Amino acid sequence: MSQNFIANRRLGRLRPRPTKLFVPFLVLAACCFVLSFYNGRLPEPWMSNTMLAVSALLVLLFWLIPVLRYLSAYVEVSTSGVLVRSGLMGQKRQEVSFSQVTAVELGRGRRIEIVTRDGEVIALPKLPRAKKLVAQLERLSA
């Protein structure tokens, strides 16, 4: 191995607060309750089929998609920089090296903003313990 090789180690992977999933799991619980309560009680078969279809659509739109978005969105801090992934399946990807960072600030709504040398501002999602994270990122970028 070369003497100039610097190992890039992952220091941490941060996700938004799990309280964002409260409403999706509430919708899932409501759909499960309705399906279990009305199973076999509706007089017509088309009513049961409609109830199943509507419940499946609600679960798909209001539970599955938010859970996939939550699980695929994260901020990864490594020894060389910060990687931000977001989107439904993590398609949006922003990466910045600590050598390019000029400032790390706590913006409006406790969102962390990383300013690069090019003037580009990378806004991180709301993360727990934002003040401590800003202090650590400033220390790493110095």
C-alpha atoms as a PDB file:
ATOM      1  CA  MET A   1       0.000   0.000   0.000  1.00  0.00           C
ATOM      2  CA  SER A   2       1.034   3.542  -0.605  1.00  0.00           C
ATOM      3  CA  GLN A   3       2.227   5.865   2.152  1.00  0.00           C
ATOM      4  CA  ASN A   4      -0.154   8.583   0.884  1.00  0.00           C
ATOM      5  CA  PHE A   5      -3.257   6.471   1.365  1.00  0.00           C
ATOM      6  CA  ILE A   6      -5.681   8.006   3.849  1.00  0.00           C
ATOM      7  CA  ALA A   7      -8.393   5.707   5.128  1.00  0.00           C
ATOM      8  CA  ASN A   8     -11.875   7.100   4.791  1.00  0.00           C
ATOM      9  CA  ARG A   9     -13.737   5.930   7.871  1.00  0.00           C
ATOM     10  CA  ARG A  10     -17.406   6.443   8.588  1.00  0.00           C
ATOM     11  CA  LEU A  11     -17.873   8.362  11.813  1.00  0.00           C
ATOM     12  CA  GLY A  12     -21.644   8.205  11.907  1.00  0.00           C
ATOM     13  CA  ARG A  13     -24.884   7.872  10.021  1.00  0.00           C
ATOM     14  CA  LEU A  14     -27.633  10.221  11.147  1.00  0.00           C
ATOM     15  CA  ARG A  15     -31.318   9.985  10.378  1.00  0.00           C
ATOM     16  CA  PRO A  16     -34.121  12.463  11.002  1.00  0.00           C
ATOM     17  CA  ARG A  17     -36.224  12.051  14.113  1.00  0.00           C
ATOM     18  CA  PRO A  18     -38.444   8.963  14.046  1.00  0.00           C
ATOM     19  CA  THR A  19     -41.411  11.070  15.167  1.00  0.00           C
ATOM     20  CA  LYS A  20     -41.921  11.806  11.458  1.00  0.00           C
ATOM     21  CA  LEU A  21     -43.309   8.270  11.215  1.00  0.00           C
ATOM     22  CA  PHE A  22     -46.055   8.811  13.820  1.00  0.00           C
ATOM     23  CA  VAL A  23     -48.791   9.760  11.317  1.00  0.00           C
ATOM     24  CA  PRO A  24     -47.930   6.969   8.835  1.00  0.00           C
ATOM     25  CA  PHE A  25     -48.113   4.344  11.573  1.00  0.00           C
ATOM     26  CA  LEU A  26     -51.355   5.894  12.825  1.00  0.00           C
ATOM     27  CA  VAL A  27     -52.827   5.467   9.320  1.00  0.00           C
ATOM     28  CA  LEU A  28     -51.597   1.865   9.238  1.00  0.00           C
ATOM     29  CA  ALA A  29     -53.184   1.140  12.624  1.00  0.00           C
ATOM     30  CA  ALA A  30     -56.479   2.728  11.547  1.00  0.00           C
ATOM     31  CA  CYS A  31     -56.584   0.674   8.348  1.00  0.00           C
ATOM     32  CA  CYS A  32     -55.818  -2.519  10.251  1.00  0.00           C
ATOM     33  CA  PHE A  33     -58.546  -1.729  12.770  1.00  0.00           C
ATOM     34  CA  VAL A  34     -61.153  -1.036  10.076  1.00  0.00           C
ATOM     35  CA  LEU A  35     -60.243  -4.180   8.154  1.00  0.00           C
ATOM     36  CA  SER A  36     -60.346  -6.406  11.224  1.00  0.00           C
ATOM     37  CA  PHE A  37     -63.560  -4.867  12.598  1.00  0.00           C
ATOM     38  CA  TYR A  38     -65.579  -5.009   9.375  1.00  0.00           C
ATOM     39  CA  ASN A  39     -64.238  -8.364   8.139  1.00  0.00           C
ATOM     40  CA  GLY A  40     -67.314 -10.503   7.379  1.00  0.00           C
ATOM     41  CA  ARG A  41     -69.781  -7.872   8.640  1.00  0.00           C
ATOM     42  CA  LEU A  42     -70.565  -6.079   5.403  1.00  0.00           C
ATOM     43  CA  PRO A  43     -73.706  -7.270   3.604  1.00  0.00           C
ATOM     44  CA  GLU A  44     -72.426  -7.081   0.016  1.00  0.00           C
ATOM     45  CA  PRO A  45     -69.209  -8.537  -1.420  1.00  0.00           C
ATOM     46  CA  TRP A  46     -68.486  -5.385  -3.406  1.00  0.00           C
ATOM     47  CA  MET A  47     -68.379  -3.431  -0.140  1.00  0.00           C
ATOM     48  CA  SER A  48     -65.707  -5.753   1.229  1.00  0.00           C
ATOM     49  CA  ASN A  49     -63.720  -5.492  -1.999  1.00  0.00           C
ATOM     50  CA  THR A  50     -63.983  -1.697  -1.984  1.00  0.00           C
ATOM     51  CA  MET A  51     -62.911  -1.562   1.658  1.00  0.00           C
ATOM     52  CA  LEU A  52     -59.879  -3.734   0.890  1.00  0.00           C
ATOM     53  CA  ALA A  53     -58.924  -1.636  -2.137  1.00  0.00           C
ATOM     54  CA  VAL A  54     -59.264   1.673  -0.301  1.00  0.00           C
ATOM     55  CA  SER A  55     -57.294   0.356   2.676  1.00  0.00           C
ATOM     56  CA  ALA A  56     -54.529  -0.953   0.414  1.00  0.00           C
ATOM     57  CA  LEU A  57     -54.338   2.413  -1.358  1.00  0.00           C
ATOM     58  CA  LEU A  58     -54.204   4.320   1.940  1.00  0.00           C
ATOM     59  CA  VAL A  59     -51.492   2.038   3.293  1.00  0.00           C
ATOM     60  CA  LEU A  60     -49.477   2.392   0.089  1.00  0.00           C
ATOM     61  CA  LEU A  61     -49.718   6.179  -0.060  1.00  0.00           C
ATOM     62  CA  PHE A  62     -49.631   7.126   3.613  1.00  0.00           C
ATOM     63  CA  TRP A  63     -47.487   4.375   5.166  1.00  0.00           C
ATOM     64  CA  LEU A  64     -45.227   2.598   2.669  1.00  0.00           C
ATOM     65  CA  ILE A  65     -43.973   5.651   0.773  1.00  0.00           C
ATOM     66  CA  PRO A  66     -43.157   7.704   3.921  1.00  0.00           C
ATOM     67  CA  VAL A  67     -41.402   4.728   5.510  1.00  0.00           C
ATOM     68  CA  LEU A  68     -39.310   4.161   2.365  1.00  0.00           C
ATOM     69  CA  ARG A  69     -38.420   7.861   2.257  1.00  0.00           C
ATOM     70  CA  TYR A  70     -37.440   7.815   5.926  1.00  0.00           C
ATOM     71  CA  LEU A  71     -35.298   4.699   5.623  1.00  0.00           C
ATOM     72  CA  SER A  72     -33.483   5.874   2.483  1.00  0.00           C
ATOM     73  CA  ALA A  73     -32.709   9.396   3.748  1.00  0.00           C
ATOM     74  CA  TYR A  74     -29.656   9.896   5.922  1.00  0.00           C
ATOM     75  CA  VAL A  75     -26.623  12.047   6.556  1.00  0.00           C
ATOM     76  CA  GLU A  76     -23.325  10.194   6.680  1.00  0.00           C
ATOM     77  CA  VAL A  77     -20.336  11.870   8.302  1.00  0.00           C
ATOM     78  CA  SER A  78     -16.944  10.398   7.461  1.00  0.00           C
ATOM     79  CA  THR A  79     -13.373  11.479   8.044  1.00  0.00           C
ATOM     80  CA  SER A  80     -13.255  13.060   4.579  1.00  0.00           C
ATOM     81  CA  GLY A  81     -16.640  14.770   4.330  1.00  0.00           C
ATOM     82  CA  VAL A  82     -20.412  14.706   4.561  1.00  0.00           C
ATOM     83  CA  LEU A  83     -22.816  12.743   2.346  1.00  0.00           C
ATOM     84  CA  VAL A  84     -26.514  13.682   2.290  1.00  0.00           C
ATOM     85  CA  ARG A  85     -29.004  11.271   0.689  1.00  0.00           C
ATOM     86  CA  SER A  86     -32.692  11.980   0.308  1.00  0.00           C
ATOM     87  CA  GLY A  87     -35.597  11.172  -1.949  1.00  0.00           C
ATOM     88  CA  LEU A  88     -37.906   8.191  -2.263  1.00  0.00           C
ATOM     89  CA  MET A  89     -35.152   5.625  -2.784  1.00  0.00           C
ATOM     90  CA  GLY A  90     -32.179   7.860  -1.953  1.00  0.00           C
ATOM     91  CA  GLN A  91     -31.799   9.232  -5.492  1.00  0.00           C
ATOM     92  CA  LYS A  92     -30.803  12.743  -4.415  1.00  0.00           C
ATOM     93  CA  ARG A  93     -27.207  12.708  -3.295  1.00  0.00           C
ATOM     94  CA  GLN A  94     -25.044  15.614  -2.192  1.00  0.00           C
ATOM     95  CA  GLU A  95     -21.467  15.155  -1.077  1.00  0.00           C
ATOM     96  CA  VAL A  96     -19.021  17.720   0.229  1.00  0.00           C
ATOM     97  CA  SER A  97     -15.444  17.268   1.322  1.00  0.00           C
ATOM     98  CA  PHE A  98     -14.253  18.917   4.522  1.00  0.00           C
ATOM     99  CA  SER A  99     -11.489  20.589   2.515  1.00  0.00           C
ATOM    100  CA  GLN A 100     -14.189  22.500   0.579  1.00  0.00           C
ATOM    101  CA  VAL A 101     -16.171  23.632   3.664  1.00  0.00           C
ATOM    102  CA  THR A 102     -15.802  27.262   4.724  1.00  0.00           C
ATOM    103  CA  ALA A 103     -18.550  27.480   7.362  1.00  0.00           C
ATOM    104  CA  VAL A 104     -21.069  25.344   9.212  1.00  0.00           C
ATOM    105  CA  GLU A 105     -24.084  27.237  10.553  1.00  0.00           C
ATOM    106  CA  LEU A 106     -27.287  26.496  12.392  1.00  0.00           C
ATOM    107  CA  GLY A 107     -29.993  28.022  10.179  1.00  0.00           C
ATOM    108  CA  ARG A 108     -33.700  28.617  10.527  1.00  0.00           C
ATOM    109  CA  GLY A 109     -35.723  25.800  11.981  1.00  0.00           C
ATOM    110  CA  ARG A 110     -32.619  24.117  13.460  1.00  0.00           C
ATOM    111  CA  ARG A 111     -31.440  23.107  10.008  1.00  0.00           C
ATOM    112  CA  ILE A 112     -27.714  22.769   9.561  1.00  0.00           C
ATOM    113  CA  GLU A 113     -26.241  24.626   6.593  1.00  0.00           C
ATOM    114  CA  ILE A 114     -22.815  23.805   5.186  1.00  0.00           C
ATOM    115  CA  VAL A 115     -21.261  26.576   3.076  1.00  0.00           C
ATOM    116  CA  THR A 116     -18.604  25.548   0.548  1.00  0.00           C
ATOM    117  CA  ARG A 117     -15.856  27.557  -1.135  1.00  0.00           C
ATOM    118  CA  ASP A 118     -17.950  27.812  -4.289  1.00  0.00           C
ATOM    119  CA  GLY A 119     -20.702  29.582  -2.337  1.00  0.00           C
ATOM    120  CA  GLU A 120     -22.964  26.558  -2.532  1.00  0.00           C
ATOM    121  CA  VAL A 121     -25.079  25.965   0.573  1.00  0.00           C
ATOM    122  CA  ILE A 122     -25.924  22.374   1.455  1.00  0.00           C
ATOM    123  CA  ALA A 123     -28.848  22.240   3.860  1.00  0.00           C
ATOM    124  CA  LEU A 124     -29.066  19.158   6.027  1.00  0.00           C
ATOM    125  CA  PRO A 125     -32.491  17.969   7.196  1.00  0.00           C
ATOM    126  CA  LYS A 126     -33.589  18.528  10.774  1.00  0.00           C
ATOM    127  CA  LEU A 127     -31.431  16.258  12.877  1.00  0.00           C
ATOM    128  CA  PRO A 128     -31.398  15.551  16.596  1.00  0.00           C
ATOM    129  CA  ARG A 129     -28.817  17.419  18.702  1.00  0.00           C
ATOM    130  CA  ALA A 130     -28.192  19.984  15.997  1.00  0.00           C
ATOM    131  CA  LYS A 131     -26.004  22.302  18.105  1.00  0.00           C
ATOM    132  CA  LYS A 132     -23.615  19.508  19.060  1.00  0.00           C
ATOM    133  CA  LEU A 133     -23.483  18.316  15.473  1.00  0.00           C
ATOM    134  CA  VAL A 134     -22.626  21.819  14.217  1.00  0.00           C
ATOM    135  CA  ALA A 135     -19.790  22.031  16.741  1.00  0.00           C
ATOM    136  CA  GLN A 136     -18.440  18.621  15.667  1.00  0.00           C
ATOM    137  CA  LEU A 137     -18.680  19.459  11.957  1.00  0.00           C
ATOM    138  CA  GLU A 138     -16.859  22.754  12.527  1.00  0.00           C
ATOM    139  CA  ARG A 139     -14.133  20.891  14.387  1.00  0.00           C
ATOM    140  CA  LEU A 140     -13.788  18.308  11.602  1.00  0.00           C
ATOM    141  CA  SER A 141     -13.667  20.933   8.855  1.00  0.00           C
ATOM    142  CA  ALA A 142     -11.020  23.034  10.611  1.00  0.00           C
END
